[in-house]
Each structure stands twice: as structure tokens, then as C-alpha cells.
Amino acid sequence: MESFISEEHRLGNLIPIPKQEDWARGNFTHVASRITITDASPYGDRGRLLHVSKVLKEANCCLIVMYCMGFTRGLTREVRSVTGKPVILPSSIVARTLGELLE
């Protein structure tokens, strides 16, 4: 399957715990062939979130996916402010889609 994001771009993936890295890599390789995966719990130390945001910025990710139901819009704003890149929160996509279906 061809990657959704072109070869010269990198996807950033923020997961809540390190042991999900293999799962995340397997599930996102169809989106991008170049992926940087970092971890920070949405309930943990904000310093960790700041650190991994800097890692994603240094990796020059063009798009960041925060893949955990515990991540909030507030946390996406923090990551976006450090990286300067668009951040996707899958739970927001699900909520908006459900909202449209229920109209």
C-alpha cells in the first residue's frame, strides 16, 4: 500500500506509553513511511510532553497525531505551540463525525 504522506515528509505520532510503539508503527506505516514515535501520558508530567514535543519538532514532522483518548484539545495546543505543526486528535475526529451523523 502506498503511503498517504509523501516520502520527503515525516509523521509524528504521540502515544501514551512506550509499549505501544510497535503497535503504532504497524498501524501508521500505511500513512507515512517515515514516522517518529514518542510517548507521554496525558495524565503525567507536563515536562515530558514538552520534551517529546521538542523531539517531534527536531525530527521535522509535518503532521502530528496524538493517539490516545486521554489527550485533550488543550494538550494539542501545547504540542502545536512547540512544534509549529498541525496536530490531529483522533477523539475529536470521532466526536465531530458522530455529531454530523446525529444532526
PDB file of N, CA and C in Angstrom:
ATOM      1  N   MET A   1       0.838  -1.176   0.000  1.00  0.00           N
ATOM      2  CA  MET A   1       0.000   0.000   0.000  1.00  0.00           C
ATOM      3  C   MET A   1       0.884   1.240   0.000  1.00  0.00           C
ATOM      4  N   GLU A   2       0.519   2.226  -0.769  1.00  0.00           N
ATOM      5  CA  GLU A   2       1.276   3.460  -0.867  1.00  0.00           C
ATOM      6  C   GLU A   2       0.998   4.359   0.328  1.00  0.00           C
ATOM      7  N   SER A   3       2.019   5.037   0.806  1.00  0.00           N
ATOM      8  CA  SER A   3       1.864   5.937   1.938  1.00  0.00           C
ATOM      9  C   SER A   3       1.024   7.141   1.565  1.00  0.00           C
ATOM     10  N   PHE A   4       0.250   7.609   2.519  1.00  0.00           N
ATOM     11  CA  PHE A   4      -0.587   8.792   2.340  1.00  0.00           C
ATOM     12  C   PHE A   4       0.262  10.062   2.334  1.00  0.00           C
ATOM     13  N   ILE A   5       1.272  10.097   3.189  1.00  0.00           N
ATOM     14  CA  ILE A   5       2.176  11.238   3.281  1.00  0.00           C
ATOM     15  C   ILE A   5       3.398  10.920   2.426  1.00  0.00           C
ATOM     16  N   SER A   6       3.821  11.873   1.603  1.00  0.00           N
ATOM     17  CA  SER A   6       4.905  11.627   0.654  1.00  0.00           C
ATOM     18  C   SER A   6       6.224  11.298   1.363  1.00  0.00           C
ATOM     19  N   GLU A   7       7.121  10.682   0.600  1.00  0.00           N
ATOM     20  CA  GLU A   7       8.399  10.201   1.125  1.00  0.00           C
ATOM     21  C   GLU A   7       9.233  11.278   1.824  1.00  0.00           C
ATOM     22  N   GLU A   8       9.159  12.508   1.333  1.00  0.00           N
ATOM     23  CA  GLU A   8      10.012  13.541   1.921  1.00  0.00           C
ATOM     24  C   GLU A   8       9.450  14.111   3.219  1.00  0.00           C
ATOM     25  N   HIS A   9       8.258  13.704   3.602  1.00  0.00           N
ATOM     26  CA  HIS A   9       7.645  14.191   4.834  1.00  0.00           C
ATOM     27  C   HIS A   9       7.659  13.120   5.921  1.00  0.00           C
ATOM     28  N   ARG A  10       7.568  13.581   7.150  1.00  0.00           N
ATOM     29  CA  ARG A  10       7.615  12.682   8.310  1.00  0.00           C
ATOM     30  C   ARG A  10       6.375  12.903   9.167  1.00  0.00           C
ATOM     31  N   LEU A  11       5.782  11.798   9.608  1.00  0.00           N
ATOM     32  CA  LEU A  11       4.635  11.823  10.510  1.00  0.00           C
ATOM     33  C   LEU A  11       5.134  11.692  11.940  1.00  0.00           C
ATOM     34  N   GLY A  12       4.611  12.524  12.815  1.00  0.00           N
ATOM     35  CA  GLY A  12       4.892  12.393  14.241  1.00  0.00           C
ATOM     36  C   GLY A  12       3.724  11.695  14.911  1.00  0.00           C
ATOM     37  N   ASN A  13       4.029  10.760  15.782  1.00  0.00           N
ATOM     38  CA  ASN A  13       2.980  10.010  16.464  1.00  0.00           C
ATOM     39  C   ASN A  13       3.275  10.043  17.954  1.00  0.00           C
ATOM     40  N   LEU A  14       2.351  10.607  18.706  1.00  0.00           N
ATOM     41  CA  LEU A  14       2.498  10.706  20.152  1.00  0.00           C
ATOM     42  C   LEU A  14       1.542   9.717  20.808  1.00  0.00           C
ATOM     43  N   ILE A  15       2.107   8.741  21.498  1.00  0.00           N
ATOM     44  CA  ILE A  15       1.328   7.691  22.156  1.00  0.00           C
ATOM     45  C   ILE A  15       1.503   7.830  23.676  1.00  0.00           C
ATOM     46  N   PRO A  16       0.616   7.220  24.470  1.00  0.00           N
ATOM     47  CA  PRO A  16       0.687   7.430  25.915  1.00  0.00           C
ATOM     48  C   PRO A  16       1.753   6.609  26.647  1.00  0.00           C
ATOM     49  N   ILE A  17       2.092   5.418  26.128  1.00  0.00           N
ATOM     50  CA  ILE A  17       3.062   4.561  26.823  1.00  0.00           C
ATOM     51  C   ILE A  17       4.014   3.911  25.813  1.00  0.00           C
ATOM     52  N   PRO A  18       5.270   3.714  26.204  1.00  0.00           N
ATOM     53  CA  PRO A  18       6.269   3.174  25.270  1.00  0.00           C
ATOM     54  C   PRO A  18       5.924   1.803  24.697  1.00  0.00           C
ATOM     55  N   LYS A  19       5.248   0.956  25.455  1.00  0.00           N
ATOM     56  CA  LYS A  19       4.996  -0.399  24.957  1.00  0.00           C
ATOM     57  C   LYS A  19       4.003  -0.437  23.797  1.00  0.00           C
ATOM     58  N   GLN A  20       3.409   0.706  23.440  1.00  0.00           N
ATOM     59  CA  GLN A  20       2.521   0.770  22.276  1.00  0.00           C
ATOM     60  C   GLN A  20       3.265   1.122  20.988  1.00  0.00           C
ATOM     61  N   GLU A  21       4.585   1.286  21.060  1.00  0.00           N
ATOM     62  CA  GLU A  21       5.336   1.733  19.882  1.00  0.00           C
ATOM     63  C   GLU A  21       5.230   0.768  18.702  1.00  0.00           C
ATOM     64  N   ASP A  22       5.403  -0.513  18.934  1.00  0.00           N
ATOM     65  CA  ASP A  22       5.305  -1.475  17.827  1.00  0.00           C
ATOM     66  C   ASP A  22       3.913  -1.450  17.203  1.00  0.00           C
ATOM     67  N   TRP A  23       2.897  -1.378  18.045  1.00  0.00           N
ATOM     68  CA  TRP A  23       1.522  -1.300  17.547  1.00  0.00           C
ATOM     69  C   TRP A  23       1.337  -0.048  16.690  1.00  0.00           C
ATOM     70  N   ALA A  24       1.802   1.095  17.200  1.00  0.00           N
ATOM     71  CA  ALA A  24       1.644   2.360  16.479  1.00  0.00           C
ATOM     72  C   ALA A  24       2.388   2.324  15.147  1.00  0.00           C
ATOM     73  N   ARG A  25       3.604   1.813  15.158  1.00  0.00           N
ATOM     74  CA  ARG A  25       4.384   1.742  13.915  1.00  0.00           C
ATOM     75  C   ARG A  25       3.654   0.870  12.892  1.00  0.00           C
ATOM     76  N   GLY A  26       3.131  -0.255  13.325  1.00  0.00           N
ATOM     77  CA  GLY A  26       2.402  -1.140  12.423  1.00  0.00           C
ATOM     78  C   GLY A  26       1.132  -0.522  11.865  1.00  0.00           C
ATOM     79  N   ASN A  27       0.467   0.297  12.672  1.00  0.00           N
ATOM     80  CA  ASN A  27      -0.795   0.891  12.232  1.00  0.00           C
ATOM     81  C   ASN A  27      -0.633   2.169  11.424  1.00  0.00           C
ATOM     82  N   PHE A  28       0.506   2.820  11.509  1.00  0.00           N
ATOM     83  CA  PHE A  28       0.673   4.088  10.804  1.00  0.00           C
ATOM     84  C   PHE A  28       1.610   4.012   9.605  1.00  0.00           C
ATOM     85  N   THR A  29       2.204   2.851   9.322  1.00  0.00           N
ATOM     86  CA  THR A  29       3.092   2.763   8.161  1.00  0.00           C
ATOM     87  C   THR A  29       2.338   2.921   6.847  1.00  0.00           C
ATOM     88  N   HIS A  30       1.037   2.700   6.831  1.00  0.00           N
ATOM     89  CA  HIS A  30       0.266   2.933   5.601  1.00  0.00           C
ATOM     90  C   HIS A  30       0.000   4.421   5.390  1.00  0.00           C
ATOM     91  N   VAL A  31       0.215   5.215   6.427  1.00  0.00           N
ATOM     92  CA  VAL A  31       0.017   6.663   6.331  1.00  0.00           C
ATOM     93  C   VAL A  31       1.313   7.347   5.898  1.00  0.00           C
ATOM     94  N   ALA A  32       2.427   6.892   6.446  1.00  0.00           N
ATOM     95  CA  ALA A  32       3.725   7.500   6.129  1.00  0.00           C
ATOM     96  C   ALA A  32       4.823   6.457   6.286  1.00  0.00           C
ATOM     97  N   SER A  33       5.800   6.509   5.415  1.00  0.00           N
ATOM     98  CA  SER A  33       6.916   5.571   5.535  1.00  0.00           C
ATOM     99  C   SER A  33       7.941   6.072   6.552  1.00  0.00           C
ATOM    100  N   ARG A  34       7.940   7.364   6.807  1.00  0.00           N
ATOM    101  CA  ARG A  34       8.857   7.947   7.792  1.00  0.00           C
ATOM    102  C   ARG A  34       8.034   8.402   8.997  1.00  0.00           C
ATOM    103  N   ILE A  35       8.257   7.768  10.133  1.00  0.00           N
ATOM    104  CA  ILE A  35       7.472   8.051  11.336  1.00  0.00           C
ATOM    105  C   ILE A  35       8.406   8.249  12.523  1.00  0.00           C
ATOM    106  N   THR A  36       8.126   9.270  13.306  1.00  0.00           N
ATOM    107  CA  THR A  36       8.797   9.450  14.588  1.00  0.00           C
ATOM    108  C   THR A  36       7.753   9.223  15.667  1.00  0.00           C
ATOM    109  N   ILE A  37       8.011   8.242  16.530  1.00  0.00           N
ATOM    110  CA  ILE A  37       7.062   7.908  17.588  1.00  0.00           C
ATOM    111  C   ILE A  37       7.651   8.323  18.931  1.00  0.00           C
ATOM    112  N   THR A  38       6.866   9.062  19.696  1.00  0.00           N
ATOM    113  CA  THR A  38       7.257   9.479  21.036  1.00  0.00           C
ATOM    114  C   THR A  38       6.139   9.100  22.001  1.00  0.00           C
ATOM    115  N   ASP A  39       6.448   9.139  23.295  1.00  0.00           N
ATOM    116  CA  ASP A  39       5.406   8.806  24.266  1.00  0.00           C
ATOM    117  C   ASP A  39       5.381   9.799  25.418  1.00  0.00           C
ATOM    118  N   ALA A  40       4.171  10.113  25.829  1.00  0.00           N
ATOM    119  CA  ALA A  40       3.927  10.946  27.008  1.00  0.00           C
ATOM    120  C   ALA A  40       2.498  10.679  27.450  1.00  0.00           C
ATOM    121  N   SER A  41       2.328  10.402  28.720  1.00  0.00           N
ATOM    122  CA  SER A  41       0.987  10.146  29.231  1.00  0.00           C
ATOM    123  C   SER A  41       0.198  11.451  29.315  1.00  0.00           C
ATOM    124  N   PRO A  42      -1.083  11.430  28.929  1.00  0.00           N
ATOM    125  CA  PRO A  42      -1.897  12.637  29.066  1.00  0.00           C
ATOM    126  C   PRO A  42      -2.137  12.991  30.533  1.00  0.00           C
ATOM    127  N   TYR A  43      -1.857  12.070  31.437  1.00  0.00           N
ATOM    128  CA  TYR A  43      -2.089  12.286  32.864  1.00  0.00           C
ATOM    129  C   TYR A  43      -0.793  12.518  33.628  1.00  0.00           C
ATOM    130  N   GLY A  44       0.314  12.539  32.907  1.00  0.00           N
ATOM    131  CA  GLY A  44       1.619  12.629  33.549  1.00  0.00           C
ATOM    132  C   GLY A  44       2.187  14.033  33.586  1.00  0.00           C
ATOM    133  N   ASP A  45       3.468  14.061  33.752  1.00  0.00           N
ATOM    134  CA  ASP A  45       4.245  15.283  33.887  1.00  0.00           C
ATOM    135  C   ASP A  45       4.225  16.105  32.596  1.00  0.00           C
ATOM    136  N   ARG A  46       3.886  17.386  32.712  1.00  0.00           N
ATOM    137  CA  ARG A  46       3.867  18.269  31.540  1.00  0.00           C
ATOM    138  C   ARG A  46       5.269  18.449  30.963  1.00  0.00           C
ATOM    139  N   GLY A  47       6.277  18.276  31.799  1.00  0.00           N
ATOM    140  CA  GLY A  47       7.652  18.365  31.315  1.00  0.00           C
ATOM    141  C   GLY A  47       7.946  17.305  30.268  1.00  0.00           C
ATOM    142  N   ARG A  48       7.382  16.132  30.454  1.00  0.00           N
ATOM    143  CA  ARG A  48       7.560  15.049  29.470  1.00  0.00           C
ATOM    144  C   ARG A  48       6.906  15.431  28.151  1.00  0.00           C
ATOM    145  N   LEU A  49       5.708  16.008  28.210  1.00  0.00           N
ATOM    146  CA  LEU A  49       5.015  16.435  26.990  1.00  0.00           C
ATOM    147  C   LEU A  49       5.835  17.504  26.260  1.00  0.00           C
ATOM    148  N   LEU A  50       6.396  18.433  27.001  1.00  0.00           N
ATOM    149  CA  LEU A  50       7.242  19.465  26.400  1.00  0.00           C
ATOM    150  C   LEU A  50       8.469  18.834  25.745  1.00  0.00           C
ATOM    151  N   HIS A  51       9.090  17.882  26.424  1.00  0.00           N
ATOM    152  CA  HIS A  51      10.276  17.210  25.878  1.00  0.00           C
ATOM    153  C   HIS A  51       9.959  16.500  24.563  1.00  0.00           C
ATOM    154  N   VAL A  52       8.891  15.689  24.545  1.00  0.00           N
ATOM    155  CA  VAL A  52       8.592  14.943  23.313  1.00  0.00           C
ATOM    156  C   VAL A  52       8.127  15.880  22.203  1.00  0.00           C
ATOM    157  N   SER A  53       7.521  17.000  22.563  1.00  0.00           N
ATOM    158  CA  SER A  53       7.151  17.992  21.545  1.00  0.00           C
ATOM    159  C   SER A  53       8.399  18.534  20.862  1.00  0.00           C
ATOM    160  N   LYS A  54       9.434  18.781  21.642  1.00  0.00           N
ATOM    161  CA  LYS A  54      10.706  19.249  21.079  1.00  0.00           C
ATOM    162  C   LYS A  54      11.340  18.174  20.200  1.00  0.00           C
ATOM    163  N   VAL A  55      11.226  16.911  20.616  1.00  0.00           N
ATOM    164  CA  VAL A  55      11.747  15.802  19.801  1.00  0.00           C
ATOM    165  C   VAL A  55      11.037  15.770  18.450  1.00  0.00           C
ATOM    166  N   LEU A  56       9.717  15.925  18.462  1.00  0.00           N
ATOM    167  CA  LEU A  56       8.945  15.924  17.213  1.00  0.00           C
ATOM    168  C   LEU A  56       9.316  17.118  16.334  1.00  0.00           C
ATOM    169  N   LYS A  57       9.555  18.259  16.958  1.00  0.00           N
ATOM    170  CA  LYS A  57       9.971  19.440  16.189  1.00  0.00           C
ATOM    171  C   LYS A  57      11.337  19.206  15.549  1.00  0.00           C
ATOM    172  N   GLU A  58      12.283  18.683  16.319  1.00  0.00           N
ATOM    173  CA  GLU A  58      13.629  18.422  15.804  1.00  0.00           C
ATOM    174  C   GLU A  58      13.621  17.366  14.704  1.00  0.00           C
ATOM    175  N   ALA A  59      12.662  16.445  14.754  1.00  0.00           N
ATOM    176  CA  ALA A  59      12.545  15.412  13.714  1.00  0.00           C
ATOM    177  C   ALA A  59      11.914  15.971  12.442  1.00  0.00           C
ATOM    178  N   ASN A  60      11.460  17.226  12.506  1.00  0.00           N
ATOM    179  CA  ASN A  60      10.845  17.910  11.365  1.00  0.00           C
ATOM    180  C   ASN A  60       9.598  17.179  10.848  1.00  0.00           C
ATOM    181  N   CYS A  61       8.742  16.789  11.787  1.00  0.00           N
ATOM    182  CA  CYS A  61       7.473  16.146  11.408  1.00  0.00           C
ATOM    183  C   CYS A  61       6.560  17.181  10.761  1.00  0.00           C
ATOM    184  N   CYS A  62       5.869  16.787   9.707  1.00  0.00           N
ATOM    185  CA  CYS A  62       4.969  17.718   9.018  1.00  0.00           C
ATOM    186  C   CYS A  62       3.564  17.678   9.615  1.00  0.00           C
ATOM    187  N   LEU A  63       3.251  16.618  10.343  1.00  0.00           N
ATOM    188  CA  LEU A  63       1.931  16.412  10.930  1.00  0.00           C
ATOM    189  C   LEU A  63       2.112  15.530  12.154  1.00  0.00           C
ATOM    190  N   ILE A  64       1.354  15.821  13.211  1.00  0.00           N
ATOM    191  CA  ILE A  64       1.473  15.048  14.443  1.00  0.00           C
ATOM    192  C   ILE A  64       0.110  14.483  14.821  1.00  0.00           C
ATOM    193  N   VAL A  65       0.092  13.192  15.137  1.00  0.00           N
ATOM    194  CA  VAL A  65      -1.121  12.521  15.605  1.00  0.00           C
ATOM    195  C   VAL A  65      -0.918  12.188  17.075  1.00  0.00           C
ATOM    196  N   MET A  66      -1.804  12.688  17.926  1.00  0.00           N
ATOM    197  CA  MET A  66      -1.773  12.372  19.356  1.00  0.00           C
ATOM    198  C   MET A  66      -2.780  11.254  19.576  1.00  0.00           C
ATOM    199  N   TYR A  67      -2.288  10.030  19.681  1.00  0.00           N
ATOM    200  CA  TYR A  67      -3.149   8.858  19.619  1.00  0.00           C
ATOM    201  C   TYR A  67      -3.438   8.271  21.001  1.00  0.00           C
ATOM    202  N   CYS A  68      -4.376   8.896  21.696  1.00  0.00           N
ATOM    203  CA  CYS A  68      -4.855   8.390  22.984  1.00  0.00           C
ATOM    204  C   CYS A  68      -6.128   9.154  23.325  1.00  0.00           C
ATOM    205  N   MET A  69      -7.136   8.449  23.795  1.00  0.00           N
ATOM    206  CA  MET A  69      -8.399   9.102  24.147  1.00  0.00           C
ATOM    207  C   MET A  69      -8.223  10.098  25.291  1.00  0.00           C
ATOM    208  N   GLY A  70      -7.163   9.969  26.071  1.00  0.00           N
ATOM    209  CA  GLY A  70      -6.928  10.883  27.180  1.00  0.00           C
ATOM    210  C   GLY A  70      -6.341  12.226  26.774  1.00  0.00           C
ATOM    211  N   PHE A  71      -5.791  12.317  25.572  1.00  0.00           N
ATOM    212  CA  PHE A  71      -5.257  13.599  25.114  1.00  0.00           C
ATOM    213  C   PHE A  71      -6.413  14.563  24.865  1.00  0.00           C
ATOM    214  N   THR A  72      -6.214  15.808  25.241  1.00  0.00           N
ATOM    215  CA  THR A  72      -7.267  16.821  25.127  1.00  0.00           C
ATOM    216  C   THR A  72      -6.874  17.892  24.117  1.00  0.00           C
ATOM    217  N   ARG A  73      -7.847  18.734  23.781  1.00  0.00           N
ATOM    218  CA  ARG A  73      -7.554  19.847  22.868  1.00  0.00           C
ATOM    219  C   ARG A  73      -6.530  20.794  23.482  1.00  0.00           C
ATOM    220  N   GLY A  74      -6.574  20.942  24.794  1.00  0.00           N
ATOM    221  CA  GLY A  74      -5.580  21.778  25.468  1.00  0.00           C
ATOM    222  C   GLY A  74      -4.170  21.248  25.274  1.00  0.00           C
ATOM    223  N   LEU A  75      -4.028  19.936  25.363  1.00  0.00           N
ATOM    224  CA  LEU A  75      -2.711  19.327  25.149  1.00  0.00           C
ATOM    225  C   LEU A  75      -2.272  19.457  23.696  1.00  0.00           C
ATOM    226  N   THR A  76      -3.222  19.375  22.761  1.00  0.00           N
ATOM    227  CA  THR A  76      -2.845  19.548  21.351  1.00  0.00           C
ATOM    228  C   THR A  76      -2.331  20.963  21.112  1.00  0.00           C
ATOM    229  N   ARG A  77      -2.934  21.934  21.787  1.00  0.00           N
ATOM    230  CA  ARG A  77      -2.460  23.320  21.641  1.00  0.00           C
ATOM    231  C   ARG A  77      -1.029  23.460  22.158  1.00  0.00           C
ATOM    232  N   GLU A  78      -0.717  22.770  23.259  1.00  0.00           N
ATOM    233  CA  GLU A  78       0.647  22.818  23.799  1.00  0.00           C
ATOM    234  C   GLU A  78       1.646  22.229  22.806  1.00  0.00           C
ATOM    235  N   VAL A  79       1.308  21.081  22.235  1.00  0.00           N
ATOM    236  CA  VAL A  79       2.200  20.435  21.263  1.00  0.00           C
ATOM    237  C   VAL A  79       2.345  21.316  20.024  1.00  0.00           C
ATOM    238  N   ARG A  80       1.246  21.870  19.540  1.00  0.00           N
ATOM    239  CA  ARG A  80       1.282  22.741  18.363  1.00  0.00           C
ATOM    240  C   ARG A  80       2.127  23.985  18.623  1.00  0.00           C
ATOM    241  N   SER A  81       2.041  24.537  19.838  1.00  0.00           N
ATOM    242  CA  SER A  81       2.807  25.755  20.128  1.00  0.00           C
ATOM    243  C   SER A  81       4.311  25.493  20.103  1.00  0.00           C
ATOM    244  N   VAL A  82       4.728  24.294  20.479  1.00  0.00           N
ATOM    245  CA  VAL A  82       6.156  23.949  20.458  1.00  0.00           C
ATOM    246  C   VAL A  82       6.607  23.571  19.053  1.00  0.00           C
ATOM    247  N   THR A  83       5.820  22.748  18.373  1.00  0.00           N
ATOM    248  CA  THR A  83       6.248  22.211  17.074  1.00  0.00           C
ATOM    249  C   THR A  83       5.963  23.151  15.910  1.00  0.00           C
ATOM    250  N   GLY A  84       4.922  23.954  16.034  1.00  0.00           N
ATOM    251  CA  GLY A  84       4.507  24.806  14.918  1.00  0.00           C
ATOM    252  C   GLY A  84       3.849  24.022  13.793  1.00  0.00           C
ATOM    253  N   LYS A  85       3.454  22.791  14.071  1.00  0.00           N
ATOM    254  CA  LYS A  85       2.863  21.912  13.049  1.00  0.00           C
ATOM    255  C   LYS A  85       1.422  21.565  13.407  1.00  0.00           C
ATOM    256  N   PRO A  86       0.635  21.145  12.410  1.00  0.00           N
ATOM    257  CA  PRO A  86      -0.737  20.718  12.700  1.00  0.00           C
ATOM    258  C   PRO A  86      -0.742  19.455  13.562  1.00  0.00           C
ATOM    259  N   VAL A  87      -1.707  19.399  14.467  1.00  0.00           N
ATOM    260  CA  VAL A  87      -1.843  18.262  15.378  1.00  0.00           C
ATOM    261  C   VAL A  87      -3.250  17.695  15.235  1.00  0.00           C
ATOM    262  N   ILE A  88      -3.324  16.387  15.054  1.00  0.00           N
ATOM    263  CA  ILE A  88      -4.611  15.701  14.915  1.00  0.00           C
ATOM    264  C   ILE A  88      -4.899  14.932  16.198  1.00  0.00           C
ATOM    265  N   LEU A  89      -6.124  15.083  16.670  1.00  0.00           N
ATOM    266  CA  LEU A  89      -6.594  14.357  17.840  1.00  0.00           C
ATOM    267  C   LEU A  89      -7.726  13.444  17.387  1.00  0.00           C
ATOM    268  N   PRO A  90      -7.467  12.136  17.245  1.00  0.00           N
ATOM    269  CA  PRO A  90      -8.492  11.231  16.721  1.00  0.00           C
ATOM    270  C   PRO A  90      -9.821  11.290  17.466  1.00  0.00           C
ATOM    271  N   SER A  91      -9.799  11.521  18.771  1.00  0.00           N
ATOM    272  CA  SER A  91     -11.065  11.588  19.507  1.00  0.00           C
ATOM    273  C   SER A  91     -11.915  12.765  19.034  1.00  0.00           C
ATOM    274  N   SER A  92     -11.296  13.856  18.616  1.00  0.00           N
ATOM    275  CA  SER A  92     -12.047  14.997  18.070  1.00  0.00           C
ATOM    276  C   SER A  92     -12.677  14.640  16.732  1.00  0.00           C
ATOM    277  N   ILE A  93     -11.953  13.878  15.922  1.00  0.00           N
ATOM    278  CA  ILE A  93     -12.493  13.453  14.629  1.00  0.00           C
ATOM    279  C   ILE A  93     -13.709  12.561  14.844  1.00  0.00           C
ATOM    280  N   VAL A  94     -13.612  11.639  15.793  1.00  0.00           N
ATOM    281  CA  VAL A  94     -14.738  10.749  16.093  1.00  0.00           C
ATOM    282  C   VAL A  94     -15.932  11.561  16.584  1.00  0.00           C
ATOM    283  N   ALA A  95     -15.700  12.491  17.501  1.00  0.00           N
ATOM    284  CA  ALA A  95     -16.793  13.297  18.049  1.00  0.00           C
ATOM    285  C   ALA A  95     -17.463  14.139  16.970  1.00  0.00           C
ATOM    286  N   ARG A  96     -16.683  14.754  16.113  1.00  0.00           N
ATOM    287  CA  ARG A  96     -17.270  15.580  15.045  1.00  0.00           C
ATOM    288  C   ARG A  96     -18.057  14.737  14.057  1.00  0.00           C
ATOM    289  N   THR A  97     -17.532  13.571  13.734  1.00  0.00           N
ATOM    290  CA  THR A  97     -18.241  12.676  12.813  1.00  0.00           C
ATOM    291  C   THR A  97     -19.563  12.223  13.420  1.00  0.00           C
ATOM    292  N   LEU A  98     -19.547  11.840  14.681  1.00  0.00           N
ATOM    293  CA  LEU A  98     -20.789  11.441  15.350  1.00  0.00           C
ATOM    294  C   LEU A  98     -21.782  12.596  15.400  1.00  0.00           C
ATOM    295  N   GLY A  99     -21.284  13.798  15.647  1.00  0.00           N
ATOM    296  CA  GLY A  99     -22.150  14.975  15.658  1.00  0.00           C
ATOM    297  C   GLY A  99     -22.846  15.180  14.328  1.00  0.00           C
ATOM    298  N   GLU A 100     -22.113  15.002  13.242  1.00  0.00           N
ATOM    299  CA  GLU A 100     -22.709  15.140  11.910  1.00  0.00           C
ATOM    300  C   GLU A 100     -23.741  14.052  11.654  1.00  0.00           C
ATOM    301  N   LEU A 101     -23.464  12.845  12.104  1.00  0.00           N
ATOM    302  CA  LEU A 101     -24.404  11.742  11.898  1.00  0.00           C
ATOM    303  C   LEU A 101     -25.689  11.933  12.695  1.00  0.00           C
ATOM    304  N   LEU A 102     -25.586  12.611  13.816  1.00  0.00           N
ATOM    305  CA  LEU A 102     -26.747  12.802  14.684  1.00  0.00           C
ATOM    306  C   LEU A 102     -27.538  14.068  14.380  1.00  0.00           C
ATOM    307  N   GLU A 103     -27.107  14.854  13.421  1.00  0.00           N
ATOM    308  CA  GLU A 103     -27.826  16.092  13.059  1.00  0.00           C
ATOM    309  C   GLU A 103     -29.190  15.785  12.500  1.00  0.00           C
TER     310      GLU A 103
END
